[in-house]
Amino acid sequence: MNSKPTIMVSETLQAVILGVAIVVGAISTYVSYVQPLTESLVELGPRSERERAAVLMEGERFAEFVAFIRANTSEDARIILPPNFPQQPVAHIGLMQYFLYPRDIHNCGVNEVEECVMRVTGENTYILAVGGFPPPGIAELHKDLIPFDDTRGLYAPSAPTNQDQGGEE
């Protein structure tokens, strides 16, 4: 008779092995997931819900750009976004409406950019300047650029001149 030797593992040893496996798994989970998440939440600090969402969704620079737009526009402002093609967060009406509420958010259609920019001459209408939008030379006809950085900014209504107010220039 050819019998195979069996290894008997005591229940105590099985419990110890299982316990060690659980501890190793818990440490791995903490180091890989819990600790980095906790650190990122602590870094967000005492920010508003919108600011935290902007940082978590698109990063710190995006959140700073949204704060820049909010600081340079009134709550009753109309803001014109670029066409959402190619798709980008600053051109998504729903996303930007969340971050800029209660401002009135619109965007230009992909086939009517120049006409759209020429139409938005209102006193409380702003044009987002991002990624080649609006085309050079068009918004400057009736808006003044407030730069955020080298590639982004906000076209604001032009300040009235003395001549516009009936005075001499």
N, C-alpha and C. Protein backbone atom coordinates (compact mmCIF):
# COMPACT_ATOMS: atom_id res chain seq x y z
N MET A 1 0.82 -1.16 0.00
CA MET A 1 0.00 0.00 0.00
C MET A 1 0.88 1.24 0.00
N ASN A 2 0.59 2.07 -0.93
CA ASN A 2 1.37 3.29 -1.07
C ASN A 2 0.57 4.44 -0.50
N SER A 3 0.87 4.85 0.66
CA SER A 3 0.11 5.94 1.28
C SER A 3 0.93 7.22 1.24
N LYS A 4 0.21 8.28 1.00
CA LYS A 4 0.86 9.59 0.96
C LYS A 4 0.83 10.18 2.35
N PRO A 5 1.93 10.78 2.73
CA PRO A 5 1.92 11.39 4.05
C PRO A 5 1.03 12.63 4.05
N THR A 6 0.31 12.81 5.06
CA THR A 6 -0.54 13.99 5.18
C THR A 6 0.07 14.92 6.21
N ILE A 7 -0.05 16.16 5.90
CA ILE A 7 0.47 17.16 6.83
C ILE A 7 -0.71 17.69 7.61
N MET A 8 -0.65 17.54 8.83
CA MET A 8 -1.70 18.02 9.70
C MET A 8 -1.30 19.39 10.22
N VAL A 9 -2.13 20.33 9.95
CA VAL A 9 -1.88 21.68 10.46
C VAL A 9 -2.92 21.93 11.54
N SER A 10 -2.42 22.29 12.66
CA SER A 10 -3.33 22.49 13.78
C SER A 10 -4.21 23.72 13.52
N GLU A 11 -5.32 23.74 14.15
CA GLU A 11 -6.23 24.87 14.02
C GLU A 11 -5.59 26.16 14.52
N THR A 12 -4.74 26.06 15.49
CA THR A 12 -4.06 27.23 16.02
C THR A 12 -3.13 27.83 14.98
N LEU A 13 -2.37 26.96 14.31
CA LEU A 13 -1.47 27.43 13.27
C LEU A 13 -2.25 28.04 12.11
N GLN A 14 -3.35 27.47 11.75
CA GLN A 14 -4.20 28.02 10.68
C GLN A 14 -4.70 29.42 11.07
N ALA A 15 -5.10 29.58 12.30
CA ALA A 15 -5.58 30.88 12.77
C ALA A 15 -4.47 31.92 12.74
N VAL A 16 -3.26 31.52 13.11
CA VAL A 16 -2.11 32.44 13.10
C VAL A 16 -1.80 32.87 11.67
N ILE A 17 -1.78 31.93 10.73
CA ILE A 17 -1.50 32.25 9.32
C ILE A 17 -2.57 33.19 8.77
N LEU A 18 -3.81 32.92 9.06
CA LEU A 18 -4.90 33.78 8.60
C LEU A 18 -4.78 35.18 9.21
N GLY A 19 -4.45 35.24 10.49
CA GLY A 19 -4.28 36.53 11.16
C GLY A 19 -3.15 37.35 10.54
N VAL A 20 -2.02 36.69 10.25
CA VAL A 20 -0.89 37.38 9.62
C VAL A 20 -1.29 37.91 8.24
N ALA A 21 -2.02 37.11 7.48
CA ALA A 21 -2.47 37.52 6.14
C ALA A 21 -3.39 38.74 6.23
N ILE A 22 -4.26 38.76 7.22
CA ILE A 22 -5.17 39.90 7.40
C ILE A 22 -4.38 41.16 7.76
N VAL A 23 -3.41 41.03 8.66
CA VAL A 23 -2.60 42.19 9.07
C VAL A 23 -1.81 42.72 7.88
N VAL A 24 -1.18 41.84 7.09
CA VAL A 24 -0.42 42.27 5.92
C VAL A 24 -1.34 42.98 4.92
N GLY A 25 -2.53 42.44 4.69
CA GLY A 25 -3.49 43.07 3.78
C GLY A 25 -3.93 44.43 4.28
N ALA A 26 -4.16 44.56 5.58
CA ALA A 26 -4.59 45.84 6.16
C ALA A 26 -3.48 46.89 6.03
N ILE A 27 -2.25 46.50 6.30
CA ILE A 27 -1.13 47.44 6.17
C ILE A 27 -0.98 47.88 4.72
N SER A 28 -1.07 46.95 3.80
CA SER A 28 -0.96 47.26 2.38
C SER A 28 -2.06 48.23 1.94
N THR A 29 -3.28 47.99 2.38
CA THR A 29 -4.40 48.87 2.03
C THR A 29 -4.19 50.26 2.61
N TYR A 30 -3.75 50.33 3.84
CA TYR A 30 -3.52 51.63 4.47
C TYR A 30 -2.45 52.41 3.72
N VAL A 31 -1.32 51.78 3.44
CA VAL A 31 -0.21 52.47 2.79
C VAL A 31 -0.56 52.88 1.35
N SER A 32 -1.29 52.02 0.64
CA SER A 32 -1.58 52.28 -0.77
C SER A 32 -2.77 53.20 -1.00
N TYR A 33 -3.77 53.17 -0.12
CA TYR A 33 -5.00 53.90 -0.38
C TYR A 33 -5.38 54.89 0.71
N VAL A 34 -5.46 54.44 1.93
CA VAL A 34 -5.98 55.28 3.00
C VAL A 34 -5.05 56.45 3.30
N GLN A 35 -3.78 56.20 3.45
CA GLN A 35 -2.84 57.27 3.79
C GLN A 35 -2.78 58.34 2.70
N PRO A 36 -2.61 58.00 1.39
CA PRO A 36 -2.60 59.05 0.37
C PRO A 36 -3.91 59.84 0.29
N LEU A 37 -5.04 59.16 0.45
CA LEU A 37 -6.33 59.85 0.42
C LEU A 37 -6.44 60.81 1.59
N THR A 38 -6.04 60.38 2.76
CA THR A 38 -6.08 61.24 3.94
C THR A 38 -5.19 62.46 3.75
N GLU A 39 -4.00 62.25 3.21
CA GLU A 39 -3.09 63.38 2.98
C GLU A 39 -3.68 64.37 1.99
N SER A 40 -4.30 63.87 0.90
CA SER A 40 -4.87 64.78 -0.08
C SER A 40 -6.05 65.54 0.49
N LEU A 41 -6.86 64.91 1.34
CA LEU A 41 -7.98 65.60 1.96
C LEU A 41 -7.50 66.67 2.94
N VAL A 42 -6.43 66.38 3.66
CA VAL A 42 -5.87 67.36 4.59
C VAL A 42 -5.31 68.55 3.82
N GLU A 43 -4.68 68.29 2.67
CA GLU A 43 -4.14 69.37 1.84
C GLU A 43 -5.23 70.30 1.33
N LEU A 44 -6.43 69.77 1.10
CA LEU A 44 -7.53 70.60 0.61
C LEU A 44 -7.96 71.63 1.64
N GLY A 45 -7.75 71.30 2.90
CA GLY A 45 -8.01 72.25 3.96
C GLY A 45 -9.42 72.80 3.99
N PRO A 46 -9.55 74.00 4.53
CA PRO A 46 -10.88 74.59 4.69
C PRO A 46 -11.34 75.31 3.42
N ARG A 47 -11.60 74.55 2.38
CA ARG A 47 -12.08 75.12 1.11
C ARG A 47 -13.57 74.87 0.97
N SER A 48 -14.18 75.65 0.10
CA SER A 48 -15.60 75.44 -0.16
C SER A 48 -15.78 74.14 -0.96
N GLU A 49 -17.01 73.69 -1.04
CA GLU A 49 -17.30 72.47 -1.79
C GLU A 49 -16.89 72.62 -3.25
N ARG A 50 -17.16 73.78 -3.82
CA ARG A 50 -16.81 74.02 -5.23
C ARG A 50 -15.30 73.98 -5.44
N GLU A 51 -14.56 74.59 -4.53
CA GLU A 51 -13.10 74.59 -4.67
C GLU A 51 -12.54 73.18 -4.55
N ARG A 52 -13.04 72.41 -3.58
CA ARG A 52 -12.57 71.03 -3.43
C ARG A 52 -12.90 70.21 -4.67
N ALA A 53 -14.10 70.38 -5.20
CA ALA A 53 -14.50 69.63 -6.39
C ALA A 53 -13.61 69.99 -7.58
N ALA A 54 -13.30 71.27 -7.73
CA ALA A 54 -12.44 71.70 -8.84
C ALA A 54 -11.05 71.09 -8.72
N VAL A 55 -10.50 71.09 -7.51
CA VAL A 55 -9.16 70.51 -7.30
C VAL A 55 -9.18 69.01 -7.58
N LEU A 56 -10.18 68.32 -7.04
CA LEU A 56 -10.23 66.87 -7.20
C LEU A 56 -10.51 66.46 -8.65
N MET A 57 -11.31 67.25 -9.36
CA MET A 57 -11.67 66.89 -10.74
C MET A 57 -10.58 67.24 -11.75
N GLU A 58 -10.02 68.46 -11.63
CA GLU A 58 -9.13 68.94 -12.69
C GLU A 58 -7.79 69.47 -12.18
N GLY A 59 -7.59 69.55 -10.89
CA GLY A 59 -6.30 69.98 -10.36
C GLY A 59 -6.31 71.40 -9.83
N GLU A 60 -5.22 71.74 -9.19
CA GLU A 60 -5.08 73.02 -8.50
C GLU A 60 -5.16 74.22 -9.45
N ARG A 61 -4.49 74.14 -10.61
CA ARG A 61 -4.51 75.27 -11.55
C ARG A 61 -5.91 75.54 -12.07
N PHE A 62 -6.68 74.50 -12.34
CA PHE A 62 -8.06 74.68 -12.78
C PHE A 62 -8.86 75.38 -11.69
N ALA A 63 -8.69 74.94 -10.44
CA ALA A 63 -9.39 75.57 -9.32
C ALA A 63 -9.00 77.04 -9.19
N GLU A 64 -7.74 77.34 -9.40
CA GLU A 64 -7.28 78.74 -9.34
C GLU A 64 -7.91 79.56 -10.46
N PHE A 65 -8.03 78.97 -11.66
CA PHE A 65 -8.64 79.66 -12.79
C PHE A 65 -10.12 79.94 -12.51
N VAL A 66 -10.82 78.97 -11.96
CA VAL A 66 -12.23 79.16 -11.61
C VAL A 66 -12.36 80.28 -10.57
N ALA A 67 -11.49 80.29 -9.58
CA ALA A 67 -11.51 81.34 -8.55
C ALA A 67 -11.23 82.71 -9.19
N PHE A 68 -10.32 82.75 -10.15
CA PHE A 68 -10.01 83.98 -10.89
C PHE A 68 -11.26 84.49 -11.62
N ILE A 69 -11.97 83.60 -12.29
CA ILE A 69 -13.18 83.99 -13.02
C ILE A 69 -14.22 84.52 -12.04
N ARG A 70 -14.43 83.81 -10.94
CA ARG A 70 -15.42 84.24 -9.94
C ARG A 70 -15.05 85.61 -9.36
N ALA A 71 -13.77 85.83 -9.12
CA ALA A 71 -13.33 87.10 -8.53
C ALA A 71 -13.46 88.28 -9.49
N ASN A 72 -13.42 88.01 -10.79
CA ASN A 72 -13.44 89.09 -11.78
C ASN A 72 -14.78 89.27 -12.48
N THR A 73 -15.81 88.57 -12.02
CA THR A 73 -17.15 88.71 -12.60
C THR A 73 -18.16 88.83 -11.48
N SER A 74 -19.22 89.59 -11.74
CA SER A 74 -20.29 89.70 -10.74
C SER A 74 -21.18 88.46 -10.84
N GLU A 75 -21.98 88.25 -9.83
CA GLU A 75 -22.85 87.08 -9.82
C GLU A 75 -23.92 87.12 -10.90
N ASP A 76 -24.23 88.32 -11.41
CA ASP A 76 -25.24 88.42 -12.47
C ASP A 76 -24.60 88.52 -13.87
N ALA A 77 -23.33 88.19 -13.96
CA ALA A 77 -22.62 88.27 -15.25
C ALA A 77 -23.02 87.15 -16.19
N ARG A 78 -22.86 87.41 -17.47
CA ARG A 78 -23.01 86.37 -18.51
C ARG A 78 -21.59 86.03 -18.94
N ILE A 79 -21.28 84.75 -18.97
CA ILE A 79 -19.94 84.30 -19.36
C ILE A 79 -20.06 83.41 -20.59
N ILE A 80 -19.27 83.74 -21.61
CA ILE A 80 -19.28 82.99 -22.85
C ILE A 80 -18.07 82.05 -22.86
N LEU A 81 -18.35 80.76 -23.05
CA LEU A 81 -17.31 79.73 -23.09
C LEU A 81 -16.98 79.39 -24.53
N PRO A 82 -15.83 78.77 -24.75
CA PRO A 82 -15.51 78.30 -26.11
C PRO A 82 -16.40 77.12 -26.48
N PRO A 83 -16.45 76.78 -27.76
CA PRO A 83 -17.21 75.58 -28.15
C PRO A 83 -16.63 74.35 -27.44
N ASN A 84 -17.48 73.40 -27.14
CA ASN A 84 -17.02 72.20 -26.45
C ASN A 84 -16.52 71.16 -27.45
N PHE A 85 -15.66 71.60 -28.34
CA PHE A 85 -15.03 70.70 -29.30
C PHE A 85 -13.64 71.24 -29.60
N PRO A 86 -12.58 70.55 -29.31
CA PRO A 86 -12.60 69.26 -28.61
C PRO A 86 -13.06 69.46 -27.16
N GLN A 87 -13.55 68.38 -26.58
CA GLN A 87 -14.10 68.49 -25.24
C GLN A 87 -13.02 68.91 -24.25
N GLN A 88 -13.39 69.86 -23.43
CA GLN A 88 -12.49 70.36 -22.39
C GLN A 88 -13.35 70.88 -21.24
N PRO A 89 -12.88 70.78 -20.02
CA PRO A 89 -13.69 71.18 -18.86
C PRO A 89 -14.17 72.63 -18.93
N VAL A 90 -13.32 73.55 -19.38
CA VAL A 90 -13.72 74.96 -19.40
C VAL A 90 -14.75 75.27 -20.47
N ALA A 91 -15.05 74.33 -21.34
CA ALA A 91 -16.05 74.55 -22.39
C ALA A 91 -17.34 73.78 -22.11
N HIS A 92 -17.40 73.06 -21.03
CA HIS A 92 -18.57 72.26 -20.69
C HIS A 92 -19.54 73.13 -19.87
N ILE A 93 -20.69 73.44 -20.46
CA ILE A 93 -21.63 74.36 -19.81
C ILE A 93 -22.06 73.86 -18.44
N GLY A 94 -22.44 72.60 -18.33
CA GLY A 94 -22.92 72.07 -17.05
C GLY A 94 -21.86 72.13 -15.97
N LEU A 95 -20.65 71.74 -16.30
CA LEU A 95 -19.56 71.77 -15.33
C LEU A 95 -19.24 73.20 -14.89
N MET A 96 -19.13 74.09 -15.86
CA MET A 96 -18.80 75.47 -15.52
C MET A 96 -19.96 76.16 -14.80
N GLN A 97 -21.19 75.76 -15.11
CA GLN A 97 -22.34 76.32 -14.38
C GLN A 97 -22.25 75.95 -12.90
N TYR A 98 -21.81 74.73 -12.62
CA TYR A 98 -21.64 74.31 -11.23
C TYR A 98 -20.61 75.19 -10.53
N PHE A 99 -19.47 75.39 -11.17
CA PHE A 99 -18.39 76.14 -10.54
C PHE A 99 -18.65 77.64 -10.49
N LEU A 100 -19.42 78.18 -11.42
CA LEU A 100 -19.59 79.63 -11.51
C LEU A 100 -21.00 80.11 -11.12
N TYR A 101 -21.86 79.22 -10.65
CA TYR A 101 -23.21 79.60 -10.27
C TYR A 101 -23.18 80.78 -9.32
N PRO A 102 -24.04 81.76 -9.46
CA PRO A 102 -25.26 81.87 -10.25
C PRO A 102 -25.07 82.58 -11.60
N ARG A 103 -23.85 82.72 -12.06
CA ARG A 103 -23.61 83.40 -13.34
C ARG A 103 -24.30 82.66 -14.49
N ASP A 104 -24.63 83.43 -15.54
CA ASP A 104 -25.32 82.90 -16.72
C ASP A 104 -24.26 82.39 -17.70
N ILE A 105 -24.24 81.10 -17.98
CA ILE A 105 -23.18 80.48 -18.78
C ILE A 105 -23.72 80.09 -20.16
N HIS A 106 -22.97 80.48 -21.20
CA HIS A 106 -23.30 80.13 -22.59
C HIS A 106 -22.02 79.72 -23.29
N ASN A 107 -22.15 79.06 -24.44
CA ASN A 107 -20.95 78.86 -25.24
C ASN A 107 -21.26 79.10 -26.70
N CYS A 108 -20.21 79.37 -27.45
CA CYS A 108 -20.34 79.59 -28.88
C CYS A 108 -20.36 78.24 -29.58
N GLY A 109 -21.13 78.15 -30.63
CA GLY A 109 -21.14 76.93 -31.43
C GLY A 109 -19.86 76.81 -32.23
N VAL A 110 -19.46 75.60 -32.53
CA VAL A 110 -18.19 75.35 -33.21
C VAL A 110 -18.14 76.01 -34.59
N ASN A 111 -19.29 76.18 -35.25
CA ASN A 111 -19.31 76.75 -36.60
C ASN A 111 -19.65 78.23 -36.63
N GLU A 112 -19.75 78.87 -35.48
CA GLU A 112 -20.14 80.28 -35.44
C GLU A 112 -19.31 81.09 -34.46
N VAL A 113 -18.07 80.72 -34.26
CA VAL A 113 -17.25 81.36 -33.23
C VAL A 113 -17.10 82.86 -33.47
N GLU A 114 -16.68 83.26 -34.66
CA GLU A 114 -16.46 84.69 -34.91
C GLU A 114 -17.75 85.49 -34.76
N GLU A 115 -18.84 85.00 -35.31
CA GLU A 115 -20.12 85.70 -35.21
C GLU A 115 -20.57 85.79 -33.75
N CYS A 116 -20.39 84.72 -33.04
CA CYS A 116 -20.77 84.67 -31.63
C CYS A 116 -20.00 85.72 -30.83
N VAL A 117 -18.70 85.79 -31.00
CA VAL A 117 -17.87 86.73 -30.25
C VAL A 117 -18.23 88.17 -30.62
N MET A 118 -18.56 88.41 -31.87
CA MET A 118 -18.95 89.76 -32.30
C MET A 118 -20.29 90.18 -31.68
N ARG A 119 -21.17 89.22 -31.40
CA ARG A 119 -22.49 89.52 -30.85
C ARG A 119 -22.47 89.84 -29.36
N VAL A 120 -21.50 89.35 -28.63
CA VAL A 120 -21.53 89.46 -27.17
C VAL A 120 -20.86 90.74 -26.70
N THR A 121 -21.58 91.83 -26.86
CA THR A 121 -21.03 93.14 -26.54
C THR A 121 -21.62 93.74 -25.27
N GLY A 122 -22.44 92.98 -24.56
CA GLY A 122 -23.14 93.52 -23.39
C GLY A 122 -22.20 94.02 -22.31
N GLU A 123 -22.73 94.96 -21.51
CA GLU A 123 -21.96 95.57 -20.43
C GLU A 123 -21.55 94.57 -19.35
N ASN A 124 -22.31 93.51 -19.21
CA ASN A 124 -22.03 92.54 -18.16
C ASN A 124 -21.72 91.17 -18.74
N THR A 125 -21.17 91.16 -19.97
CA THR A 125 -20.86 89.91 -20.65
C THR A 125 -19.34 89.75 -20.74
N TYR A 126 -18.86 88.57 -20.37
CA TYR A 126 -17.44 88.27 -20.35
C TYR A 126 -17.19 87.09 -21.28
N ILE A 127 -15.99 87.02 -21.83
CA ILE A 127 -15.62 85.93 -22.73
C ILE A 127 -14.40 85.23 -22.13
N LEU A 128 -14.50 83.94 -21.94
CA LEU A 128 -13.36 83.17 -21.46
C LEU A 128 -12.30 83.10 -22.54
N ALA A 129 -11.07 83.36 -22.21
CA ALA A 129 -9.97 83.28 -23.16
C ALA A 129 -9.14 82.04 -22.83
N VAL A 130 -9.32 80.99 -23.65
CA VAL A 130 -8.60 79.73 -23.45
C VAL A 130 -8.33 79.05 -24.77
N GLY A 131 -7.17 78.44 -24.91
CA GLY A 131 -6.86 77.58 -26.04
C GLY A 131 -7.18 78.13 -27.41
N GLY A 132 -6.83 79.37 -27.70
CA GLY A 132 -7.08 79.96 -29.00
C GLY A 132 -8.48 80.52 -29.16
N PHE A 133 -9.27 80.50 -28.12
CA PHE A 133 -10.60 81.11 -28.13
C PHE A 133 -10.57 82.33 -27.25
N PRO A 134 -11.15 83.42 -27.68
CA PRO A 134 -11.71 83.69 -29.00
C PRO A 134 -10.59 83.95 -30.01
N PRO A 135 -10.93 83.90 -31.30
CA PRO A 135 -9.91 84.16 -32.32
C PRO A 135 -9.26 85.53 -32.10
N PRO A 136 -7.97 85.64 -32.36
CA PRO A 136 -7.25 86.91 -32.13
C PRO A 136 -7.88 88.08 -32.88
N GLY A 137 -7.94 89.22 -32.20
CA GLY A 137 -8.38 90.45 -32.82
C GLY A 137 -9.87 90.71 -32.80
N ILE A 138 -10.69 89.73 -32.45
CA ILE A 138 -12.14 89.93 -32.49
C ILE A 138 -12.65 90.46 -31.15
N ALA A 139 -12.37 89.78 -30.07
CA ALA A 139 -12.88 90.20 -28.76
C ALA A 139 -12.30 91.55 -28.36
N GLU A 140 -11.08 91.84 -28.81
CA GLU A 140 -10.43 93.10 -28.44
C GLU A 140 -11.16 94.31 -28.98
N LEU A 141 -12.06 94.11 -29.94
CA LEU A 141 -12.81 95.23 -30.50
C LEU A 141 -13.76 95.84 -29.47
N HIS A 142 -14.23 95.05 -28.51
CA HIS A 142 -15.17 95.57 -27.52
C HIS A 142 -14.95 95.04 -26.11
N LYS A 143 -13.85 94.33 -25.89
CA LYS A 143 -13.56 93.79 -24.55
C LYS A 143 -12.08 94.02 -24.23
N ASP A 144 -11.77 94.06 -22.95
CA ASP A 144 -10.39 94.18 -22.48
C ASP A 144 -9.98 92.86 -21.83
N LEU A 145 -8.77 92.41 -22.15
CA LEU A 145 -8.28 91.15 -21.61
C LEU A 145 -7.74 91.33 -20.20
N ILE A 146 -8.20 90.48 -19.30
CA ILE A 146 -7.63 90.37 -17.95
C ILE A 146 -6.90 89.03 -17.95
N PRO A 147 -5.57 89.03 -18.01
CA PRO A 147 -4.85 87.75 -18.10
C PRO A 147 -4.82 87.00 -16.78
N PHE A 148 -4.92 85.69 -16.88
CA PHE A 148 -4.74 84.80 -15.72
C PHE A 148 -3.32 84.25 -15.75
N ASP A 149 -2.92 83.72 -16.90
CA ASP A 149 -1.56 83.26 -17.13
C ASP A 149 -1.25 83.47 -18.61
N ASP A 150 -0.24 82.81 -19.13
CA ASP A 150 0.16 83.03 -20.52
C ASP A 150 -0.85 82.51 -21.53
N THR A 151 -1.70 81.59 -21.14
CA THR A 151 -2.61 80.97 -22.11
C THR A 151 -4.09 81.16 -21.78
N ARG A 152 -4.41 81.71 -20.62
CA ARG A 152 -5.81 81.85 -20.21
C ARG A 152 -6.07 83.22 -19.63
N GLY A 153 -7.32 83.62 -19.72
CA GLY A 153 -7.73 84.89 -19.17
C GLY A 153 -9.21 85.09 -19.33
N LEU A 154 -9.62 86.35 -19.22
CA LEU A 154 -11.03 86.70 -19.29
C LEU A 154 -11.15 88.04 -20.00
N TYR A 155 -11.95 88.06 -21.06
CA TYR A 155 -12.24 89.32 -21.72
C TYR A 155 -13.42 89.96 -21.00
N ALA A 156 -13.18 91.17 -20.49
CA ALA A 156 -14.19 91.89 -19.71
C ALA A 156 -14.69 93.07 -20.52
N PRO A 157 -15.87 93.57 -20.17
CA PRO A 157 -16.38 94.76 -20.86
C PRO A 157 -15.36 95.89 -20.78
N SER A 158 -15.19 96.59 -21.89
CA SER A 158 -14.24 97.70 -21.92
C SER A 158 -14.70 98.80 -20.98
N ALA A 159 -13.75 99.39 -20.30
CA ALA A 159 -14.06 100.51 -19.42
C ALA A 159 -14.46 101.70 -20.27
N PRO A 160 -15.49 102.44 -19.87
CA PRO A 160 -15.89 103.60 -20.66
C PRO A 160 -14.81 104.68 -20.62
N THR A 161 -14.61 105.29 -21.74
CA THR A 161 -13.64 106.39 -21.80
C THR A 161 -14.35 107.69 -21.48
N ASN A 162 -13.60 108.77 -21.27
CA ASN A 162 -14.19 110.08 -21.01
C ASN A 162 -15.09 110.49 -22.16
N GLN A 163 -14.68 110.16 -23.38
CA GLN A 163 -15.46 110.52 -24.56
C GLN A 163 -16.79 109.76 -24.54
N ASP A 164 -16.78 108.51 -24.10
CA ASP A 164 -18.03 107.74 -24.01
C ASP A 164 -18.98 108.35 -22.98
N GLN A 165 -18.42 109.04 -22.00
CA GLN A 165 -19.25 109.62 -20.94
C GLN A 165 -19.60 111.07 -21.24
N GLY A 166 -19.28 111.53 -22.45
CA GLY A 166 -19.62 112.88 -22.84
C GLY A 166 -18.53 113.90 -22.55
N GLY A 167 -17.38 113.44 -22.03
CA GLY A 167 -16.28 114.34 -21.75
C GLY A 167 -15.26 114.33 -22.85
N GLU A 168 -14.14 114.98 -22.62
CA GLU A 168 -13.07 115.00 -23.62
C GLU A 168 -12.04 113.94 -23.25
N GLU A 169 -11.38 113.44 -24.28
CA GLU A 169 -10.38 112.42 -24.05
C GLU A 169 -9.00 112.99 -24.09
